[in-house]
Amino acid sequence: MKIVIVTGLAGGGKTTALRALEDLGFFCCDNLPISLFSTFVGRLVVESIEKCAISVDGRQRLFVGAYHGQIAELRDAGHEVEVLFLEAADAVLFRRYSETRRRHPLSGDDVKEGIRQDREALASLRDEATVVNTGGLNVHEIKAIVTGRFEGGPNTLAVNIQSFGFKHGLPSESELVFDVRYLPNPYFDAVLCPHDGRDSQVSEFVLGADGAMETIDRIEDFLRFSLPLFAREGKLYITVGIGCTGGRHRSVALAEELARRLKESWHVLLRHRDLAKHTIRSLG
């Protein structure tokens, strides 16, 4: 049987991942006690079920000691077991709880203490898992990553291309970051400034600048070399950041072009982190 253990921090996206697996035909069980793994899977085998997903969260801290033994027992029985650990930075988790106004399952209204306890309780589960940082992802992107992984097979890698502006902060979730601030800036052109890098005029200006196409070519060459290596390592997804000053013109145009080139070979997600932070101004 194909077994996926979905675990991680509260607020990290476990429910979204479990629903994505359910949509792919996995028999799903939410928060099954770890000590019952083998018994549960044995029953599914009798029922001729071929794949299942089981979620585990910090509320099971009393059972964590049995975790590694249960996983080993399942693998010894011939089952293929993969563990996904979904997490995000403390600030992201705190913001998600603030937005939903939910109580933390481990500490009620003290969300920060709950996050601390959660990390401590699940530390040993994280060590042997494929870790997914969902801090820069929305629910649709999390679902797309999980779907791409388990619908397409174990070597499927999602490439999350993200434009951003350095003045709004470096995206901490990016594994690779490319700085394109050396290209001419449409911000100083009265006609181009009100538009963003998705506009054809802006795109032509940026991509037509000296060094722009070579930049894209070299980034593409590096990714085509490195992405298979990340996939071989077992990565679920890679976030590639393309940054300019404000995240509106140059980085957006290059991210769009890079996504266009890679989408035939890889499962590509494209987002422009900082477009909504801009207001149109006049250079008149």
C-alpha atoms as a PDB file:
ATOM      1  CA  MET A   1       0.000   0.000   0.000  1.00  0.00           C
ATOM      2  CA  LYS A   2       1.030   3.593  -0.629  1.00  0.00           C
ATOM      3  CA  ILE A   3       0.836   5.422   2.717  1.00  0.00           C
ATOM      4  CA  VAL A   4       1.277   9.155   3.211  1.00  0.00           C
ATOM      5  CA  ILE A   5       1.692  10.491   6.744  1.00  0.00           C
ATOM      6  CA  VAL A   6       0.670  14.161   6.807  1.00  0.00           C
ATOM      7  CA  THR A   7       1.989  15.996   9.832  1.00  0.00           C
ATOM      8  CA  GLY A   8       3.363  19.356  10.845  1.00  0.00           C
ATOM      9  CA  LEU A   9       2.512  22.471  12.788  1.00  0.00           C
ATOM     10  CA  ALA A  10      -1.037  23.602  13.451  1.00  0.00           C
ATOM     11  CA  GLY A  11      -1.806  26.226  10.832  1.00  0.00           C
ATOM     12  CA  GLY A  12       0.777  24.829   8.435  1.00  0.00           C
ATOM     13  CA  GLY A  13      -1.715  23.451   5.903  1.00  0.00           C
ATOM     14  CA  LYS A  14      -2.269  19.818   6.929  1.00  0.00           C
ATOM     15  CA  THR A  15      -6.012  19.971   6.317  1.00  0.00           C
ATOM     16  CA  THR A  16      -5.483  21.363   2.809  1.00  0.00           C
ATOM     17  CA  ALA A  17      -2.927  18.653   2.033  1.00  0.00           C
ATOM     18  CA  LEU A  18      -5.205  15.904   3.346  1.00  0.00           C
ATOM     19  CA  ARG A  19      -8.113  17.163   1.239  1.00  0.00           C
ATOM     20  CA  ALA A  20      -5.892  17.225  -1.840  1.00  0.00           C
ATOM     21  CA  LEU A  21      -4.942  13.589  -1.222  1.00  0.00           C
ATOM     22  CA  GLU A  22      -8.580  12.665  -0.703  1.00  0.00           C
ATOM     23  CA  ASP A  23      -9.358  14.196  -4.101  1.00  0.00           C
ATOM     24  CA  LEU A  24      -6.685  11.910  -5.571  1.00  0.00           C
ATOM     25  CA  GLY A  25      -8.447   8.825  -4.232  1.00  0.00           C
ATOM     26  CA  PHE A  26      -6.510   8.286  -1.007  1.00  0.00           C
ATOM     27  CA  PHE A  27      -8.458   6.827   1.904  1.00  0.00           C
ATOM     28  CA  CYS A  28      -7.904   9.559   4.505  1.00  0.00           C
ATOM     29  CA  CYS A  29      -7.983   9.476   8.287  1.00  0.00           C
ATOM     30  CA  ASP A  30      -7.546  12.640  10.328  1.00  0.00           C
ATOM     31  CA  ASN A  31      -5.524  12.454  13.559  1.00  0.00           C
ATOM     32  CA  LEU A  32      -5.399   8.694  13.959  1.00  0.00           C
ATOM     33  CA  PRO A  33      -3.471   7.730  17.136  1.00  0.00           C
ATOM     34  CA  ILE A  34       0.036   6.693  16.138  1.00  0.00           C
ATOM     35  CA  SER A  35      -0.184   3.452  18.102  1.00  0.00           C
ATOM     36  CA  LEU A  36      -3.053   2.344  15.838  1.00  0.00           C
ATOM     37  CA  PHE A  37      -1.230   2.811  12.519  1.00  0.00           C
ATOM     38  CA  SER A  38      -0.459  -0.855  11.887  1.00  0.00           C
ATOM     39  CA  THR A  39      -3.900  -2.048  12.958  1.00  0.00           C
ATOM     40  CA  PHE A  40      -5.612   0.551  10.755  1.00  0.00           C
ATOM     41  CA  VAL A  41      -3.482  -0.209   7.695  1.00  0.00           C
ATOM     42  CA  GLY A  42      -3.947  -3.947   8.197  1.00  0.00           C
ATOM     43  CA  ARG A  43      -7.698  -3.473   8.034  1.00  0.00           C
ATOM     44  CA  LEU A  44      -7.414  -1.402   4.848  1.00  0.00           C
ATOM     45  CA  VAL A  45      -5.332  -4.157   3.242  1.00  0.00           C
ATOM     46  CA  VAL A  46      -8.129  -6.632   3.972  1.00  0.00           C
ATOM     47  CA  GLU A  47     -10.532  -4.228   2.240  1.00  0.00           C
ATOM     48  CA  SER A  48      -8.188  -4.070  -0.811  1.00  0.00           C
ATOM     49  CA  ILE A  49      -7.572  -0.339  -0.429  1.00  0.00           C
ATOM     50  CA  GLU A  50      -4.369   0.592  -2.252  1.00  0.00           C
ATOM     51  CA  LYS A  51      -3.466   4.000  -0.840  1.00  0.00           C
ATOM     52  CA  CYS A  52      -4.196   5.921   2.316  1.00  0.00           C
ATOM     53  CA  ALA A  53      -3.240   9.163   4.041  1.00  0.00           C
ATOM     54  CA  ILE A  54      -3.090   9.658   7.791  1.00  0.00           C
ATOM     55  CA  SER A  55      -2.711  13.014   9.520  1.00  0.00           C
ATOM     56  CA  VAL A  56      -0.856  13.445  12.799  1.00  0.00           C
ATOM     57  CA  ASP A  57      -0.685  16.649  14.842  1.00  0.00           C
ATOM     58  CA  GLY A  58       0.736  17.937  18.108  1.00  0.00           C
ATOM     59  CA  ARG A  59      -2.236  16.747  20.129  1.00  0.00           C
ATOM     60  CA  GLN A  60      -0.696  13.279  19.851  1.00  0.00           C
ATOM     61  CA  ARG A  61       2.422  14.195  21.799  1.00  0.00           C
ATOM     62  CA  LEU A  62       1.736  11.319  24.225  1.00  0.00           C
ATOM     63  CA  PHE A  63       1.993   8.852  21.306  1.00  0.00           C
ATOM     64  CA  VAL A  64       5.046  10.311  19.547  1.00  0.00           C
ATOM     65  CA  GLY A  65       7.388   7.853  21.244  1.00  0.00           C
ATOM     66  CA  ALA A  66       5.773   5.024  19.263  1.00  0.00           C
ATOM     67  CA  TYR A  67       6.033   6.840  15.929  1.00  0.00           C
ATOM     68  CA  HIS A  68       9.355   5.555  14.563  1.00  0.00           C
ATOM     69  CA  GLY A  69       8.554   1.972  15.562  1.00  0.00           C
ATOM     70  CA  GLN A  70       5.187   2.108  13.812  1.00  0.00           C
ATOM     71  CA  ILE A  71       6.691   3.542  10.616  1.00  0.00           C
ATOM     72  CA  ALA A  72       9.411   0.877  10.626  1.00  0.00           C
ATOM     73  CA  GLU A  73       6.777  -1.819  11.129  1.00  0.00           C
ATOM     74  CA  LEU A  74       4.772  -0.580   8.140  1.00  0.00           C
ATOM     75  CA  ARG A  75       7.857  -0.502   5.921  1.00  0.00           C
ATOM     76  CA  ASP A  76       8.953  -3.953   7.070  1.00  0.00           C
ATOM     77  CA  ALA A  77       5.521  -5.205   6.005  1.00  0.00           C
ATOM     78  CA  GLY A  78       6.259  -3.974   2.465  1.00  0.00           C
ATOM     79  CA  HIS A  79       4.271  -0.738   2.466  1.00  0.00           C
ATOM     80  CA  GLU A  80       5.615   2.401   0.800  1.00  0.00           C
ATOM     81  CA  VAL A  81       5.531   5.148   3.419  1.00  0.00           C
ATOM     82  CA  GLU A  82       6.178   8.850   2.787  1.00  0.00           C
ATOM     83  CA  VAL A  83       5.990  11.521   5.464  1.00  0.00           C
ATOM     84  CA  LEU A  84       5.081  15.147   4.717  1.00  0.00           C
ATOM     85  CA  PHE A  85       5.787  17.768   7.355  1.00  0.00           C
ATOM     86  CA  LEU A  86       4.099  21.118   6.730  1.00  0.00           C
ATOM     87  CA  GLU A  87       5.373  24.152   8.581  1.00  0.00           C
ATOM     88  CA  ALA A  88       5.803  27.927   8.398  1.00  0.00           C
ATOM     89  CA  ALA A  89       7.603  30.632  10.346  1.00  0.00           C
ATOM     90  CA  ASP A  90       6.149  31.549  13.742  1.00  0.00           C
ATOM     91  CA  ALA A  91       5.059  34.962  12.467  1.00  0.00           C
ATOM     92  CA  VAL A  92       3.139  33.370   9.585  1.00  0.00           C
ATOM     93  CA  LEU A  93       1.397  30.853  11.849  1.00  0.00           C
ATOM     94  CA  PHE A  94       0.507  33.600  14.333  1.00  0.00           C
ATOM     95  CA  ARG A  95      -0.944  35.728  11.529  1.00  0.00           C
ATOM     96  CA  ARG A  96      -3.032  32.828  10.218  1.00  0.00           C
ATOM     97  CA  TYR A  97      -4.514  32.238  13.652  1.00  0.00           C
ATOM     98  CA  SER A  98      -5.174  35.944  14.075  1.00  0.00           C
ATOM     99  CA  GLU A  99      -6.974  36.099  10.721  1.00  0.00           C
ATOM    100  CA  THR A 100      -9.177  33.066  11.402  1.00  0.00           C
ATOM    101  CA  ARG A 101      -9.654  33.865  15.127  1.00  0.00           C
ATOM    102  CA  ARG A 102      -9.260  30.179  15.939  1.00  0.00           C
ATOM    103  CA  ARG A 103      -7.917  28.861  19.220  1.00  0.00           C
ATOM    104  CA  HIS A 104      -4.648  26.940  19.099  1.00  0.00           C
ATOM    105  CA  PRO A 105      -5.251  23.214  19.786  1.00  0.00           C
ATOM    106  CA  LEU A 106      -2.419  23.034  22.325  1.00  0.00           C
ATOM    107  CA  SER A 107      -2.780  26.286  24.246  1.00  0.00           C
ATOM    108  CA  GLY A 108      -6.109  27.927  23.539  1.00  0.00           C
ATOM    109  CA  ASP A 109      -5.815  31.704  23.267  1.00  0.00           C
ATOM    110  CA  ASP A 110      -2.041  31.813  23.811  1.00  0.00           C
ATOM    111  CA  VAL A 111      -1.088  31.158  20.188  1.00  0.00           C
ATOM    112  CA  LYS A 112       2.624  31.864  20.599  1.00  0.00           C
ATOM    113  CA  GLU A 113       2.908  29.321  23.404  1.00  0.00           C
ATOM    114  CA  GLY A 114       0.943  26.823  21.328  1.00  0.00           C
ATOM    115  CA  ILE A 115       3.328  27.202  18.406  1.00  0.00           C
ATOM    116  CA  ARG A 116       6.285  26.652  20.740  1.00  0.00           C
ATOM    117  CA  GLN A 117       4.740  23.500  22.208  1.00  0.00           C
ATOM    118  CA  ASP A 118       3.826  22.251  18.745  1.00  0.00           C
ATOM    119  CA  ARG A 119       7.398  22.563  17.451  1.00  0.00           C
ATOM    120  CA  GLU A 120       8.723  20.782  20.520  1.00  0.00           C
ATOM    121  CA  ALA A 121       6.194  17.946  20.344  1.00  0.00           C
ATOM    122  CA  LEU A 122       6.732  17.210  16.646  1.00  0.00           C
ATOM    123  CA  ALA A 123      10.502  17.726  16.390  1.00  0.00           C
ATOM    124  CA  SER A 124      11.257  14.009  16.075  1.00  0.00           C
ATOM    125  CA  LEU A 125       8.638  13.575  13.319  1.00  0.00           C
ATOM    126  CA  ARG A 126      10.225  16.354  11.283  1.00  0.00           C
ATOM    127  CA  ASP A 127      13.667  14.727  11.163  1.00  0.00           C
ATOM    128  CA  GLU A 128      12.723  11.964   8.712  1.00  0.00           C
ATOM    129  CA  ALA A 129      10.078  13.829   6.712  1.00  0.00           C
ATOM    130  CA  THR A 130       9.884  15.765   3.470  1.00  0.00           C
ATOM    131  CA  VAL A 131       9.502  19.278   4.865  1.00  0.00           C
ATOM    132  CA  VAL A 132       7.256  21.779   3.072  1.00  0.00           C
ATOM    133  CA  ASN A 133       7.440  25.422   4.150  1.00  0.00           C
ATOM    134  CA  THR A 134       3.999  26.837   3.334  1.00  0.00           C
ATOM    135  CA  GLY A 135       4.786  30.371   4.509  1.00  0.00           C
ATOM    136  CA  GLY A 136       4.689  31.845   1.017  1.00  0.00           C
ATOM    137  CA  LEU A 137       1.871  29.644  -0.310  1.00  0.00           C
ATOM    138  CA  ASN A 138      -1.895  29.979  -0.344  1.00  0.00           C
ATOM    139  CA  VAL A 139      -4.286  27.032  -0.034  1.00  0.00           C
ATOM    140  CA  HIS A 140      -4.543  26.609  -3.810  1.00  0.00           C
ATOM    141  CA  GLU A 141      -0.757  26.455  -4.181  1.00  0.00           C
ATOM    142  CA  ILE A 142      -0.430  23.938  -1.337  1.00  0.00           C
ATOM    143  CA  LYS A 143      -3.052  21.766  -2.994  1.00  0.00           C
ATOM    144  CA  ALA A 144      -1.322  22.079  -6.381  1.00  0.00           C
ATOM    145  CA  ILE A 145       2.026  21.001  -4.901  1.00  0.00           C
ATOM    146  CA  VAL A 146       0.547  17.966  -3.147  1.00  0.00           C
ATOM    147  CA  THR A 147      -1.494  17.028  -6.223  1.00  0.00           C
ATOM    148  CA  GLY A 148       1.528  17.359  -8.496  1.00  0.00           C
ATOM    149  CA  ARG A 149       3.567  15.156  -6.203  1.00  0.00           C
ATOM    150  CA  PHE A 150       1.159  12.265  -5.763  1.00  0.00           C
ATOM    151  CA  GLU A 151      -0.698  12.408  -9.054  1.00  0.00           C
ATOM    152  CA  GLY A 152       2.474  12.554 -11.137  1.00  0.00           C
ATOM    153  CA  GLY A 153       4.668  10.199  -9.106  1.00  0.00           C
ATOM    154  CA  PRO A 154       7.481  10.540  -6.574  1.00  0.00           C
ATOM    155  CA  ASN A 155       9.800  12.557  -8.841  1.00  0.00           C
ATOM    156  CA  THR A 156       7.344  15.348  -9.610  1.00  0.00           C
ATOM    157  CA  LEU A 157       8.704  18.726  -8.551  1.00  0.00           C
ATOM    158  CA  ALA A 158       6.679  21.929  -8.424  1.00  0.00           C
ATOM    159  CA  VAL A 159       8.553  25.134  -9.265  1.00  0.00           C
ATOM    160  CA  ASN A 160       7.126  28.195  -7.529  1.00  0.00           C
ATOM    161  CA  ILE A 161       8.398  31.283  -9.367  1.00  0.00           C
ATOM    162  CA  GLN A 162       7.842  34.418  -7.328  1.00  0.00           C
ATOM    163  CA  SER A 163       8.546  38.036  -8.205  1.00  0.00           C
ATOM    164  CA  PHE A 164       9.157  40.408  -5.303  1.00  0.00           C
ATOM    165  CA  GLY A 165      10.536  43.787  -4.353  1.00  0.00           C
ATOM    166  CA  PHE A 166      13.638  44.020  -2.171  1.00  0.00           C
ATOM    167  CA  LYS A 167      12.268  47.122  -0.448  1.00  0.00           C
ATOM    168  CA  HIS A 168       9.428  44.958   0.895  1.00  0.00           C
ATOM    169  CA  GLY A 169      11.810  42.354   2.286  1.00  0.00           C
ATOM    170  CA  LEU A 170      13.529  39.225   1.053  1.00  0.00           C
ATOM    171  CA  PRO A 171      11.130  36.237   0.772  1.00  0.00           C
ATOM    172  CA  SER A 172      12.378  33.858   3.451  1.00  0.00           C
ATOM    173  CA  GLU A 173      10.749  30.842   1.797  1.00  0.00           C
ATOM    174  CA  SER A 174      12.818  31.118  -1.395  1.00  0.00           C
ATOM    175  CA  GLU A 175      15.542  28.516  -1.905  1.00  0.00           C
ATOM    176  CA  LEU A 176      16.970  30.468  -4.853  1.00  0.00           C
ATOM    177  CA  VAL A 177      16.965  34.257  -5.278  1.00  0.00           C
ATOM    178  CA  PHE A 178      18.026  36.250  -8.347  1.00  0.00           C
ATOM    179  CA  ASP A 179      18.533  40.013  -8.162  1.00  0.00           C
ATOM    180  CA  VAL A 180      17.682  41.867 -11.409  1.00  0.00           C
ATOM    181  CA  ARG A 181      17.953  45.445 -10.142  1.00  0.00           C
ATOM    182  CA  TYR A 182      20.775  46.107 -12.608  1.00  0.00           C
ATOM    183  CA  LEU A 183      18.289  46.228 -15.501  1.00  0.00           C
ATOM    184  CA  PRO A 184      16.806  49.599 -16.607  1.00  0.00           C
ATOM    185  CA  ASN A 185      13.790  50.520 -14.462  1.00  0.00           C
ATOM    186  CA  PRO A 186      10.450  51.369 -16.168  1.00  0.00           C
ATOM    187  CA  TYR A 187       9.490  53.206 -12.978  1.00  0.00           C
ATOM    188  CA  PHE A 188      11.219  56.308 -14.326  1.00  0.00           C
ATOM    189  CA  ASP A 189       9.298  56.295 -17.600  1.00  0.00           C
ATOM    190  CA  ALA A 190       6.068  58.324 -17.385  1.00  0.00           C
ATOM    191  CA  VAL A 191       4.283  56.083 -19.905  1.00  0.00           C
ATOM    192  CA  LEU A 192       5.383  52.736 -18.478  1.00  0.00           C
ATOM    193  CA  CYS A 193       5.325  53.493 -14.757  1.00  0.00           C
ATOM    194  CA  PRO A 194       1.548  53.077 -14.194  1.00  0.00           C
ATOM    195  CA  HIS A 195       1.655  49.557 -15.677  1.00  0.00           C
ATOM    196  CA  ASP A 196       3.306  46.414 -14.327  1.00  0.00           C
ATOM    197  CA  GLY A 197       5.554  43.773 -15.855  1.00  0.00           C
ATOM    198  CA  ARG A 198       2.638  41.798 -17.276  1.00  0.00           C
ATOM    199  CA  ASP A 199       1.860  44.668 -19.648  1.00  0.00           C
ATOM    200  CA  SER A 200       3.271  44.104 -23.137  1.00  0.00           C
ATOM    201  CA  GLN A 201       4.905  47.545 -23.306  1.00  0.00           C
ATOM    202  CA  VAL A 202       6.653  47.082 -19.973  1.00  0.00           C
ATOM    203  CA  SER A 203       7.669  43.532 -20.822  1.00  0.00           C
ATOM    204  CA  GLU A 204       9.156  44.590 -24.153  1.00  0.00           C
ATOM    205  CA  PHE A 205      11.065  47.420 -22.463  1.00  0.00           C
ATOM    206  CA  VAL A 206      12.499  45.142 -19.751  1.00  0.00           C
ATOM    207  CA  LEU A 207      13.279  42.110 -21.899  1.00  0.00           C
ATOM    208  CA  GLY A 208      14.705  44.295 -24.654  1.00  0.00           C
ATOM    209  CA  ALA A 209      17.248  45.902 -22.322  1.00  0.00           C
ATOM    210  CA  ASP A 210      20.914  45.039 -22.676  1.00  0.00           C
ATOM    211  CA  GLY A 211      21.637  41.889 -20.686  1.00  0.00           C
ATOM    212  CA  ALA A 212      18.008  40.971 -19.973  1.00  0.00           C
ATOM    213  CA  MET A 213      17.712  37.977 -22.300  1.00  0.00           C
ATOM    214  CA  GLU A 214      21.123  36.684 -21.259  1.00  0.00           C
ATOM    215  CA  THR A 215      19.956  36.926 -17.642  1.00  0.00           C
ATOM    216  CA  ILE A 216      16.883  34.825 -18.426  1.00  0.00           C
ATOM    217  CA  ASP A 217      18.956  32.345 -20.455  1.00  0.00           C
ATOM    218  CA  ARG A 218      21.452  31.837 -17.630  1.00  0.00           C
ATOM    219  CA  ILE A 219      18.754  31.458 -14.964  1.00  0.00           C
ATOM    220  CA  GLU A 220      16.945  28.955 -17.174  1.00  0.00           C
ATOM    221  CA  ASP A 221      20.144  26.989 -17.807  1.00  0.00           C
ATOM    222  CA  PHE A 222      20.895  26.832 -14.088  1.00  0.00           C
ATOM    223  CA  LEU A 223      17.371  25.678 -13.231  1.00  0.00           C
ATOM    224  CA  ARG A 224      17.350  23.007 -15.930  1.00  0.00           C
ATOM    225  CA  PHE A 225      20.584  21.715 -14.414  1.00  0.00           C
ATOM    226  CA  SER A 226      19.587  21.962 -10.738  1.00  0.00           C
ATOM    227  CA  LEU A 227      15.878  21.084 -10.698  1.00  0.00           C
ATOM    228  CA  PRO A 228      16.421  17.372 -11.508  1.00  0.00           C
ATOM    229  CA  LEU A 229      18.921  17.270  -8.642  1.00  0.00           C
ATOM    230  CA  PHE A 230      16.390  18.795  -6.242  1.00  0.00           C
ATOM    231  CA  ALA A 231      13.809  16.261  -7.471  1.00  0.00           C
ATOM    232  CA  ARG A 232      16.245  13.410  -6.914  1.00  0.00           C
ATOM    233  CA  GLU A 233      16.736  14.631  -3.353  1.00  0.00           C
ATOM    234  CA  GLY A 234      12.999  14.234  -2.811  1.00  0.00           C
ATOM    235  CA  LYS A 235      11.977  17.894  -2.776  1.00  0.00           C
ATOM    236  CA  LEU A 236       8.285  18.576  -3.274  1.00  0.00           C
ATOM    237  CA  TYR A 237       8.782  22.084  -4.566  1.00  0.00           C
ATOM    238  CA  ILE A 238      11.355  24.811  -5.044  1.00  0.00           C
ATOM    239  CA  THR A 239      10.649  28.526  -4.701  1.00  0.00           C
ATOM    240  CA  VAL A 240      12.629  30.731  -7.084  1.00  0.00           C
ATOM    241  CA  GLY A 241      12.598  34.430  -6.210  1.00  0.00           C
ATOM    242  CA  ILE A 242      13.140  37.099  -8.880  1.00  0.00           C
ATOM    243  CA  GLY A 243      13.656  40.470  -7.231  1.00  0.00           C
ATOM    244  CA  CYS A 244      13.825  44.094  -8.292  1.00  0.00           C
ATOM    245  CA  THR A 245      13.403  47.250  -6.216  1.00  0.00           C
ATOM    246  CA  GLY A 246       9.634  47.407  -5.857  1.00  0.00           C
ATOM    247  CA  GLY A 247       8.445  44.108  -7.307  1.00  0.00           C
ATOM    248  CA  ARG A 248       6.269  45.727  -9.978  1.00  0.00           C
ATOM    249  CA  HIS A 249       8.124  45.953 -13.302  1.00  0.00           C
ATOM    250  CA  ARG A 250      11.437  44.161 -13.902  1.00  0.00           C
ATOM    251  CA  SER A 251      11.001  41.171 -11.608  1.00  0.00           C
ATOM    252  CA  VAL A 252       7.438  40.611 -12.828  1.00  0.00           C
ATOM    253  CA  ALA A 253       8.431  40.676 -16.501  1.00  0.00           C
ATOM    254  CA  LEU A 254      11.317  38.244 -15.969  1.00  0.00           C
ATOM    255  CA  ALA A 255       9.258  35.927 -13.771  1.00  0.00           C
ATOM    256  CA  GLU A 256       6.552  35.764 -16.438  1.00  0.00           C
ATOM    257  CA  GLU A 257       9.105  34.921 -19.142  1.00  0.00           C
ATOM    258  CA  LEU A 258      10.849  32.317 -16.984  1.00  0.00           C
ATOM    259  CA  ALA A 259       7.539  30.631 -16.137  1.00  0.00           C
ATOM    260  CA  ARG A 260       6.618  30.533 -19.835  1.00  0.00           C
ATOM    261  CA  ARG A 261       9.881  28.769 -20.671  1.00  0.00           C
ATOM    262  CA  LEU A 262       9.684  26.173 -17.896  1.00  0.00           C
ATOM    263  CA  LYS A 263       5.993  25.262 -17.881  1.00  0.00           C
ATOM    264  CA  GLU A 264       6.382  22.578 -20.560  1.00  0.00           C
ATOM    265  CA  SER A 265       8.972  20.713 -18.497  1.00  0.00           C
ATOM    266  CA  TRP A 266       7.878  21.306 -14.901  1.00  0.00           C
ATOM    267  CA  HIS A 267       4.774  21.931 -12.837  1.00  0.00           C
ATOM    268  CA  VAL A 268       5.096  25.724 -12.542  1.00  0.00           C
ATOM    269  CA  LEU A 269       3.341  28.034 -10.076  1.00  0.00           C
ATOM    270  CA  LEU A 270       3.646  31.776 -10.658  1.00  0.00           C
ATOM    271  CA  ARG A 271       2.926  34.530  -8.172  1.00  0.00           C
ATOM    272  CA  HIS A 272       3.768  38.214  -7.929  1.00  0.00           C
ATOM    273  CA  ARG A 273       4.123  38.881  -4.227  1.00  0.00           C
ATOM    274  CA  ASP A 274       4.229  42.662  -4.151  1.00  0.00           C
ATOM    275  CA  LEU A 275       2.030  43.859  -7.006  1.00  0.00           C
ATOM    276  CA  ALA A 276      -0.841  44.713  -4.668  1.00  0.00           C
ATOM    277  CA  LYS A 277       1.413  47.001  -2.602  1.00  0.00           C
ATOM    278  CA  HIS A 278       1.721  49.600  -5.361  1.00  0.00           C
ATOM    279  CA  THR A 279      -0.397  52.596  -6.210  1.00  0.00           C
ATOM    280  CA  ILE A 280      -0.303  54.335  -9.566  1.00  0.00           C
ATOM    281  CA  ARG A 281       1.562  57.617  -9.522  1.00  0.00           C
ATOM    282  CA  SER A 282       2.072  60.335 -12.094  1.00  0.00           C
ATOM    283  CA  LEU A 283       5.490  61.418 -13.287  1.00  0.00           C
ATOM    284  CA  GLY A 284       4.073  64.463 -15.090  1.00  0.00           C
END
